[in-house]
Amino acid sequence: MLGDPNHLFLREKPTPLPARAEVLVRIDAVAICATDLEIIHAGLPASIQGGLPFNKNFTPGHEYMGTVAALGPDVNEFSIGQRVSVEIHAGCGQCKRCRQGMYTSCLNYGKPEKGHRANGFTTDGGFAEYAVNHINTLVNVPDSMSDAEATLVVTAGTSMYGLTELGGLVAGESVVVIGPGPIGLLAVAVAKALGANPVVLTGTRNGRLAIGRELGADRVININDEDAVSVVKQLTGGVGADYVVECAGTEATLNQAIHMTNRGGKICLAAFPHEAATLDIAHLVRNNIYAYGIRGEGRSATHRAMVLMAEKRFDATKIHTHTFPLADLPTALRFARDRVDDAIKVVVSNRTADAIKLAAE
């Protein structure tokens, strides 16, 4: 549980009970996201928190998977013993945005009394043994998929959601991904699986750019060595990219995105900038360029990402670099925060050694 900023403590709590349209999930593994680190350090992202007090005494962690352990009343969509991965958000179902299918932009965000849940953000999440999830937030995990890979469905779903909001029809379109973090790397994989061509990845770490190559990037650009905007223009016959997915969130990379997008093109803003940025808005307006901010993994994108992963259209495990037991969560968080051993995606396992052995057998 989260106490004061940067203070996690272990507490015994009663096992939660699932209500109508809910199931109890025994958590088998949870991946650490950069947003987890932000919540632990400073509370909810500023765009959501809106000046509310620091969210104390709840359990963070949102990229988890597990096994259905109990069913709420009249739930027959899932069965006990079924392996599932999760989405973060369950909208209230009654506000304007939820009725439009935009449940990650629920107007009752942070109000569980209205029916909204965001496990690991505003309601108890995955750094625990059990969590309650709404049935709308669950997706089946095939037997062929490992626990660790199943935790990456949220990350792939976020990338899928970004491309969905840009229009979704990316086959044959040029896509540039800025920033080879987990979302950026899987954005490369998803874009390539959906037929984008060429797919370009920019960044500063050659090791991560190499992983991007393995995940389908046709061209990688180390921005310390090459001018990204110029290279993208050369690759696209001088007009610029159709879609740009910005996953770095710095003033410099945001302006790179603006200037490498073609007229009428679209930019997905997937990162949370930590400071206000000065942007060339005039260039956006003059060139009819559209910018979309995304939040989470909406539009049931996790379900579509799971299909691609289950069919081995890409190997998400290439970004999984470290695994720790839940008892060693502080170390896992340190590896993720400080990028120890160039950690990309750190997974925390909640299975015992015997359970892991049995699962392997």
Protein backbone atom coordinates (compact mmCIF):
# COMPACT_ATOMS: atom_id res chain seq x y z
CA MET A 1 0.00 0.00 0.00
CA LEU A 2 1.06 3.58 -0.61
CA GLY A 3 1.56 5.83 2.41
CA ASP A 4 3.29 9.15 2.03
CA PRO A 5 5.15 9.88 -1.23
CA ASN A 6 7.74 7.17 -2.00
CA HIS A 7 6.59 5.13 1.00
CA LEU A 8 5.18 1.66 0.30
CA PHE A 9 4.30 -0.58 3.22
CA LEU A 10 3.03 -4.13 3.56
CA ARG A 11 -0.36 -4.70 5.17
CA GLU A 12 -2.68 -7.67 5.64
CA LYS A 13 -6.13 -6.85 4.25
CA PRO A 14 -9.30 -8.91 3.93
CA THR A 15 -9.71 -10.54 0.54
CA PRO A 16 -12.07 -8.26 -1.43
CA LEU A 17 -15.44 -9.60 -2.53
CA PRO A 18 -16.65 -9.21 -6.12
CA ALA A 19 -20.00 -7.50 -6.63
CA ARG A 20 -22.37 -7.66 -9.59
CA ALA A 21 -20.49 -7.80 -12.93
CA GLU A 22 -17.18 -8.30 -11.11
CA VAL A 23 -14.71 -11.12 -10.53
CA LEU A 24 -11.97 -11.67 -8.01
CA VAL A 25 -8.58 -12.08 -9.68
CA ARG A 26 -5.71 -13.87 -7.97
CA ILE A 27 -2.79 -11.84 -9.22
CA ASP A 28 -0.03 -13.99 -10.69
CA ALA A 29 2.19 -11.28 -12.21
CA VAL A 30 2.31 -7.52 -12.57
CA ALA A 31 4.55 -5.35 -14.73
CA ILE A 32 5.87 -2.00 -13.56
CA CYS A 33 4.93 1.05 -15.61
CA ALA A 34 6.54 4.49 -15.48
CA THR A 35 3.16 5.80 -14.36
CA ASP A 36 3.35 3.54 -11.29
CA LEU A 37 6.59 5.28 -10.36
CA GLU A 38 4.95 8.68 -10.85
CA ILE A 39 1.95 7.72 -8.69
CA ILE A 40 4.22 6.43 -5.93
CA HIS A 41 6.31 9.60 -6.04
CA ALA A 42 3.76 12.32 -6.66
CA GLY A 43 0.25 10.90 -6.82
CA LEU A 44 -1.94 10.73 -9.88
CA PRO A 45 -0.70 12.41 -13.07
CA ALA A 46 -1.45 16.11 -12.88
CA SER A 47 -3.89 15.95 -15.78
CA ILE A 48 -6.13 13.69 -13.71
CA GLN A 49 -5.40 14.76 -10.17
CA GLY A 50 -6.54 18.33 -10.63
CA GLY A 51 -5.20 19.50 -7.28
CA LEU A 52 -6.70 16.67 -5.21
CA PRO A 53 -4.75 15.49 -2.14
CA PHE A 54 -2.09 12.81 -2.52
CA ASN A 55 -3.88 9.46 -2.90
CA LYS A 56 -2.81 7.51 0.20
CA ASN A 57 -3.60 4.08 1.63
CA PHE A 58 -4.37 2.27 -1.58
CA THR A 59 -2.52 -0.35 -3.64
CA PRO A 60 -0.78 0.82 -6.84
CA GLY A 61 0.09 -1.37 -9.82
CA HIS A 62 -2.08 -1.69 -12.91
CA GLU A 63 -0.42 -3.92 -15.52
CA TYR A 64 -1.37 -7.25 -14.02
CA MET A 65 -2.70 -10.65 -14.98
CA GLY A 66 -3.91 -13.58 -12.96
CA THR A 67 -6.47 -16.30 -12.42
CA VAL A 68 -10.18 -15.89 -11.76
CA ALA A 69 -10.68 -16.96 -8.13
CA ALA A 70 -14.34 -16.02 -7.47
CA LEU A 71 -17.34 -14.69 -9.36
CA GLY A 72 -19.75 -11.94 -8.44
CA PRO A 73 -23.51 -12.61 -8.45
CA ASP A 74 -24.81 -13.91 -11.79
CA VAL A 75 -21.45 -13.57 -13.55
CA ASN A 76 -21.19 -16.23 -16.26
CA GLU A 77 -18.88 -14.48 -18.72
CA PHE A 78 -15.82 -15.97 -16.99
CA SER A 79 -15.15 -19.12 -15.01
CA ILE A 80 -13.08 -19.90 -11.92
CA GLY A 81 -9.58 -20.96 -12.88
CA GLN A 82 -9.55 -18.96 -16.12
CA ARG A 83 -6.39 -16.95 -16.79
CA VAL A 84 -7.03 -13.30 -17.58
CA SER A 85 -5.22 -10.07 -18.28
CA VAL A 86 -6.72 -6.71 -17.39
CA GLU A 87 -7.46 -3.22 -18.57
CA ILE A 88 -6.98 -0.41 -16.09
CA HIS A 89 -10.19 1.50 -16.55
CA ALA A 90 -13.85 0.68 -16.07
CA GLY A 91 -15.95 3.72 -16.79
CA CYS A 92 -19.05 4.70 -14.85
CA GLY A 93 -21.16 3.71 -17.86
CA GLN A 94 -23.53 6.67 -17.46
CA CYS A 95 -21.65 9.86 -18.33
CA LYS A 96 -21.46 11.36 -21.81
CA ARG A 97 -17.97 10.05 -22.52
CA CYS A 98 -18.71 6.50 -21.38
CA ARG A 99 -21.81 6.44 -23.58
CA GLN A 100 -19.54 7.42 -26.47
CA GLY A 101 -17.21 4.50 -25.64
CA MET A 102 -14.53 6.84 -24.24
CA TYR A 103 -14.40 5.23 -20.82
CA THR A 104 -10.76 6.20 -20.22
CA SER A 105 -12.04 9.80 -20.33
CA CYS A 106 -14.92 9.08 -17.93
CA LEU A 107 -16.34 12.32 -16.54
CA ASN A 108 -16.70 10.58 -13.17
CA TYR A 109 -13.01 9.65 -13.07
CA GLY A 110 -11.92 8.82 -9.53
CA LYS A 111 -15.46 8.40 -8.19
CA PRO A 112 -16.01 4.72 -7.37
CA GLU A 113 -19.37 5.62 -5.85
CA LYS A 114 -20.43 6.50 -9.41
CA GLY A 115 -19.13 3.19 -10.75
CA HIS A 116 -15.76 4.34 -12.06
CA ARG A 117 -12.69 2.22 -11.35
CA ALA A 118 -9.07 2.71 -12.35
CA ASN A 119 -7.23 -0.09 -10.59
CA GLY A 120 -3.77 1.02 -9.50
CA PHE A 121 -4.69 4.68 -10.05
CA THR A 122 -7.72 5.49 -7.93
CA THR A 123 -8.75 2.02 -6.72
CA ASP A 124 -6.68 -0.89 -5.41
CA GLY A 125 -4.39 -2.41 -8.03
CA GLY A 126 -1.92 -5.14 -8.66
CA PHE A 127 0.83 -5.00 -6.02
CA ALA A 128 -1.23 -7.45 -3.99
CA GLU A 129 -2.43 -11.04 -3.95
CA TYR A 130 -5.99 -10.31 -5.09
CA ALA A 131 -7.91 -7.59 -6.90
CA VAL A 132 -11.51 -7.09 -7.99
CA ASN A 133 -12.09 -6.32 -11.66
CA HIS A 134 -15.18 -5.46 -13.67
CA ILE A 135 -15.87 -8.09 -16.34
CA ASN A 136 -15.51 -5.42 -19.05
CA THR A 137 -11.83 -5.03 -18.13
CA LEU A 138 -10.82 -8.67 -18.58
CA VAL A 139 -9.42 -10.51 -21.58
CA ASN A 140 -8.70 -14.24 -21.77
CA VAL A 141 -5.06 -15.35 -21.71
CA PRO A 142 -4.28 -18.38 -23.91
CA ASP A 143 -2.45 -21.34 -22.40
CA SER A 144 0.46 -20.75 -24.76
CA MET A 145 1.20 -17.34 -23.24
CA SER A 146 3.41 -16.92 -20.17
CA ASP A 147 2.40 -14.83 -17.17
CA ALA A 148 5.08 -12.24 -17.97
CA GLU A 149 3.94 -11.84 -21.57
CA ALA A 150 0.32 -11.48 -20.46
CA THR A 151 1.24 -8.48 -18.27
CA LEU A 152 2.39 -6.67 -21.42
CA VAL A 153 -1.08 -6.63 -22.96
CA VAL A 154 -1.82 -3.28 -21.28
CA THR A 155 1.30 -1.75 -22.83
CA ALA A 156 0.52 -3.15 -26.26
CA GLY A 157 -3.10 -2.05 -25.80
CA THR A 158 -2.02 1.52 -25.12
CA SER A 159 -0.02 1.50 -28.35
CA MET A 160 -2.99 -0.01 -30.18
CA TYR A 161 -5.30 2.65 -28.73
CA GLY A 162 -3.01 5.41 -29.99
CA LEU A 163 -3.08 4.06 -33.53
CA THR A 164 -6.84 3.55 -33.25
CA GLU A 165 -7.38 7.21 -32.37
CA LEU A 166 -5.25 8.22 -35.34
CA GLY A 167 -7.66 6.38 -37.60
CA GLY A 168 -6.62 2.75 -37.28
CA LEU A 169 -6.14 2.15 -41.00
CA VAL A 170 -2.35 2.21 -41.00
CA ALA A 171 -1.65 -0.45 -43.66
CA GLY A 172 0.64 1.14 -46.22
CA GLU A 173 0.92 4.36 -44.22
CA SER A 174 4.21 5.73 -42.89
CA VAL A 175 4.48 5.70 -39.10
CA VAL A 176 7.21 7.27 -36.97
CA VAL A 177 7.53 6.37 -33.31
CA ILE A 178 9.50 8.79 -31.14
CA GLY A 179 10.99 7.26 -27.98
CA PRO A 180 11.93 3.57 -27.52
CA GLY A 181 10.34 3.05 -24.12
CA PRO A 182 7.89 0.18 -23.57
CA ILE A 183 4.93 1.92 -25.25
CA GLY A 184 7.10 3.19 -28.10
CA LEU A 185 8.68 -0.21 -28.77
CA LEU A 186 5.31 -1.95 -28.80
CA ALA A 187 3.89 0.86 -30.97
CA VAL A 188 6.51 -0.17 -33.53
CA ALA A 189 5.40 -3.80 -33.21
CA VAL A 190 1.68 -3.03 -33.45
CA ALA A 191 2.11 -0.63 -36.37
CA LYS A 192 4.13 -3.19 -38.30
CA ALA A 193 1.64 -5.96 -37.49
CA LEU A 194 -1.12 -3.73 -38.89
CA GLY A 195 0.79 -3.26 -42.13
CA ALA A 196 2.35 0.19 -41.74
CA ASN A 197 5.23 0.92 -44.12
CA PRO A 198 7.75 2.26 -43.44
CA VAL A 199 7.88 2.15 -39.65
CA VAL A 200 10.58 4.41 -38.22
CA LEU A 201 11.81 4.56 -34.61
CA THR A 202 13.84 7.42 -33.12
CA GLY A 203 15.71 7.56 -29.82
CA THR A 204 19.08 7.87 -28.15
CA ARG A 205 19.82 4.36 -26.84
CA ASN A 206 21.29 2.03 -29.45
CA GLY A 207 20.35 -1.08 -27.47
CA ARG A 208 16.69 -0.12 -27.43
CA LEU A 209 16.78 0.93 -31.08
CA ALA A 210 18.12 -2.55 -31.87
CA ILE A 211 15.11 -4.07 -30.09
CA GLY A 212 12.93 -1.81 -32.20
CA ARG A 213 14.51 -3.34 -35.28
CA GLU A 214 13.64 -6.80 -33.98
CA LEU A 215 10.06 -5.68 -33.42
CA GLY A 216 9.67 -4.48 -37.00
CA ALA A 217 11.15 -1.01 -37.44
CA ASP A 218 12.28 -0.54 -41.04
CA ARG A 219 14.60 2.30 -40.04
CA VAL A 220 15.95 3.45 -36.69
CA ILE A 221 17.40 6.90 -36.01
CA ASN A 222 19.72 7.77 -33.15
CA ILE A 223 18.95 11.47 -32.79
CA ASN A 224 22.43 12.06 -31.36
CA ASP A 225 23.86 11.08 -34.75
CA GLU A 226 21.21 12.10 -37.29
CA ASP A 227 18.56 14.78 -37.70
CA ALA A 228 15.32 12.87 -37.31
CA VAL A 229 13.15 15.33 -39.22
CA SER A 230 15.49 15.34 -42.22
CA VAL A 231 15.75 11.54 -42.33
CA VAL A 232 11.96 11.13 -42.14
CA LYS A 233 11.50 13.65 -44.94
CA GLN A 234 14.03 11.75 -47.07
CA LEU A 235 12.27 8.44 -46.41
CA THR A 236 8.88 9.86 -47.40
CA GLY A 237 9.77 11.66 -50.61
CA GLY A 238 10.05 15.01 -48.88
CA VAL A 239 6.47 15.18 -47.57
CA GLY A 240 6.82 13.75 -44.05
CA ALA A 241 5.13 10.93 -42.18
CA ASP A 242 1.42 10.14 -42.22
CA TYR A 243 1.34 9.28 -38.51
CA VAL A 244 3.71 10.11 -35.66
CA VAL A 245 3.41 8.48 -32.24
CA GLU A 246 5.22 10.68 -29.70
CA CYS A 247 6.33 8.64 -26.67
CA ALA A 248 9.12 10.81 -25.22
CA GLY A 249 7.28 13.90 -24.00
CA THR A 250 10.03 16.52 -24.24
CA GLU A 251 9.76 19.91 -25.87
CA ALA A 252 12.36 18.94 -28.46
CA THR A 253 10.68 15.67 -29.45
CA LEU A 254 7.21 17.23 -29.52
CA ASN A 255 8.46 19.82 -32.01
CA GLN A 256 10.21 17.08 -34.00
CA ALA A 257 6.85 15.33 -34.24
CA ILE A 258 5.20 18.50 -35.51
CA HIS A 259 7.83 19.11 -38.19
CA MET A 260 8.13 15.52 -39.46
CA THR A 261 4.36 15.05 -40.00
CA ASN A 262 2.97 15.68 -43.46
CA ARG A 263 0.13 18.04 -44.33
CA GLY A 264 -3.10 16.60 -43.01
CA GLY A 265 -1.15 14.03 -41.01
CA LYS A 266 -1.80 13.02 -37.43
CA ILE A 267 0.20 13.00 -34.21
CA CYS A 268 -0.54 10.79 -31.21
CA LEU A 269 0.66 12.28 -27.91
CA ALA A 270 1.26 9.20 -25.75
CA ALA A 271 3.72 10.58 -23.19
CA PHE A 272 3.08 12.73 -20.10
CA PRO A 273 5.36 15.80 -20.37
CA HIS A 274 6.49 16.87 -16.91
CA GLU A 275 6.79 20.54 -17.81
CA ALA A 276 4.95 22.99 -20.04
CA ALA A 277 6.40 23.05 -23.55
CA THR A 278 6.69 25.76 -26.18
CA LEU A 279 5.43 24.28 -29.45
CA ASP A 280 5.24 25.43 -33.05
CA ILE A 281 1.44 25.55 -33.10
CA ALA A 282 1.49 27.81 -36.16
CA HIS A 283 3.06 24.97 -38.16
CA LEU A 284 0.26 22.65 -37.01
CA VAL A 285 -2.41 25.10 -38.10
CA ARG A 286 -0.83 26.05 -41.43
CA ASN A 287 -0.42 22.41 -42.38
CA ASN A 288 -3.75 21.09 -41.08
CA ILE A 289 -1.98 18.63 -38.76
CA TYR A 290 -4.09 16.90 -36.11
CA ALA A 291 -2.85 16.11 -32.59
CA TYR A 292 -4.53 13.53 -30.33
CA GLY A 293 -3.83 13.00 -26.66
CA ILE A 294 -4.54 9.47 -25.44
CA ARG A 295 -5.19 8.15 -21.97
CA GLY A 296 -4.67 4.48 -21.16
CA GLU A 297 -5.79 1.64 -23.39
CA GLY A 298 -9.34 2.58 -24.37
CA ARG A 299 -11.70 1.34 -27.07
CA SER A 300 -11.11 -2.27 -25.92
CA ALA A 301 -7.64 -2.04 -27.46
CA THR A 302 -6.29 -4.69 -25.07
CA HIS A 303 -8.57 -7.27 -26.69
CA ARG A 304 -7.19 -6.48 -30.15
CA ALA A 305 -3.61 -6.38 -28.87
CA MET A 306 -4.11 -9.78 -27.23
CA VAL A 307 -5.20 -11.28 -30.56
CA LEU A 308 -2.04 -10.04 -32.26
CA MET A 309 0.12 -11.32 -29.41
CA ALA A 310 -1.64 -14.70 -29.23
CA GLU A 311 -1.18 -15.14 -32.98
CA LYS A 312 2.54 -14.33 -32.57
CA ARG A 313 2.30 -11.35 -34.90
CA PHE A 314 5.01 -9.83 -32.71
CA ASP A 315 7.00 -10.90 -29.67
CA ALA A 316 6.23 -8.51 -26.82
CA THR A 317 8.58 -10.41 -24.50
CA LYS A 318 11.50 -8.66 -26.21
CA ILE A 319 10.86 -5.70 -23.89
CA HIS A 320 10.66 -7.87 -20.73
CA THR A 321 14.10 -7.61 -19.15
CA HIS A 322 13.79 -8.47 -15.42
CA THR A 323 11.59 -10.48 -13.03
CA PHE A 324 11.39 -10.23 -9.22
CA PRO A 325 9.15 -11.84 -6.61
CA LEU A 326 6.51 -9.66 -4.96
CA ALA A 327 8.48 -9.80 -1.71
CA ASP A 328 11.28 -7.97 -3.53
CA LEU A 329 9.06 -5.21 -4.92
CA PRO A 330 11.35 -2.38 -3.68
CA THR A 331 14.21 -3.79 -5.76
CA ALA A 332 11.95 -4.21 -8.77
CA LEU A 333 10.83 -0.59 -8.49
CA ARG A 334 14.45 0.57 -8.20
CA PHE A 335 15.43 -1.35 -11.35
CA ALA A 336 12.52 0.21 -13.23
CA ARG A 337 13.10 3.74 -11.90
CA ASP A 338 16.87 3.84 -12.34
CA ARG A 339 16.96 1.65 -15.47
CA VAL A 340 19.42 -0.69 -13.78
CA ASP A 341 20.98 -3.02 -16.36
CA ASP A 342 19.06 -1.00 -18.97
CA ALA A 343 15.78 -2.36 -17.59
CA ILE A 344 12.84 -1.81 -19.91
CA LYS A 345 9.93 -3.81 -18.54
CA VAL A 346 10.27 -5.21 -15.03
CA VAL A 347 7.77 -7.89 -14.03
CA VAL A 348 6.88 -8.86 -10.46
CA SER A 349 5.78 -12.48 -10.01
CA ASN A 350 3.30 -13.38 -7.31
CA ARG A 351 3.65 -17.13 -7.79
CA THR A 352 5.58 -19.32 -5.41
CA ALA A 353 8.53 -21.32 -6.69
CA ASP A 354 6.38 -24.47 -6.58
CA ALA A 355 3.62 -22.80 -8.58
CA ILE A 356 6.13 -21.60 -11.19
CA LYS A 357 7.52 -25.12 -11.46
CA LEU A 358 4.03 -26.60 -11.85
CA ALA A 359 3.13 -24.02 -14.49
CA ALA A 360 6.27 -24.88 -16.43
CA GLU A 361 5.41 -28.58 -16.29
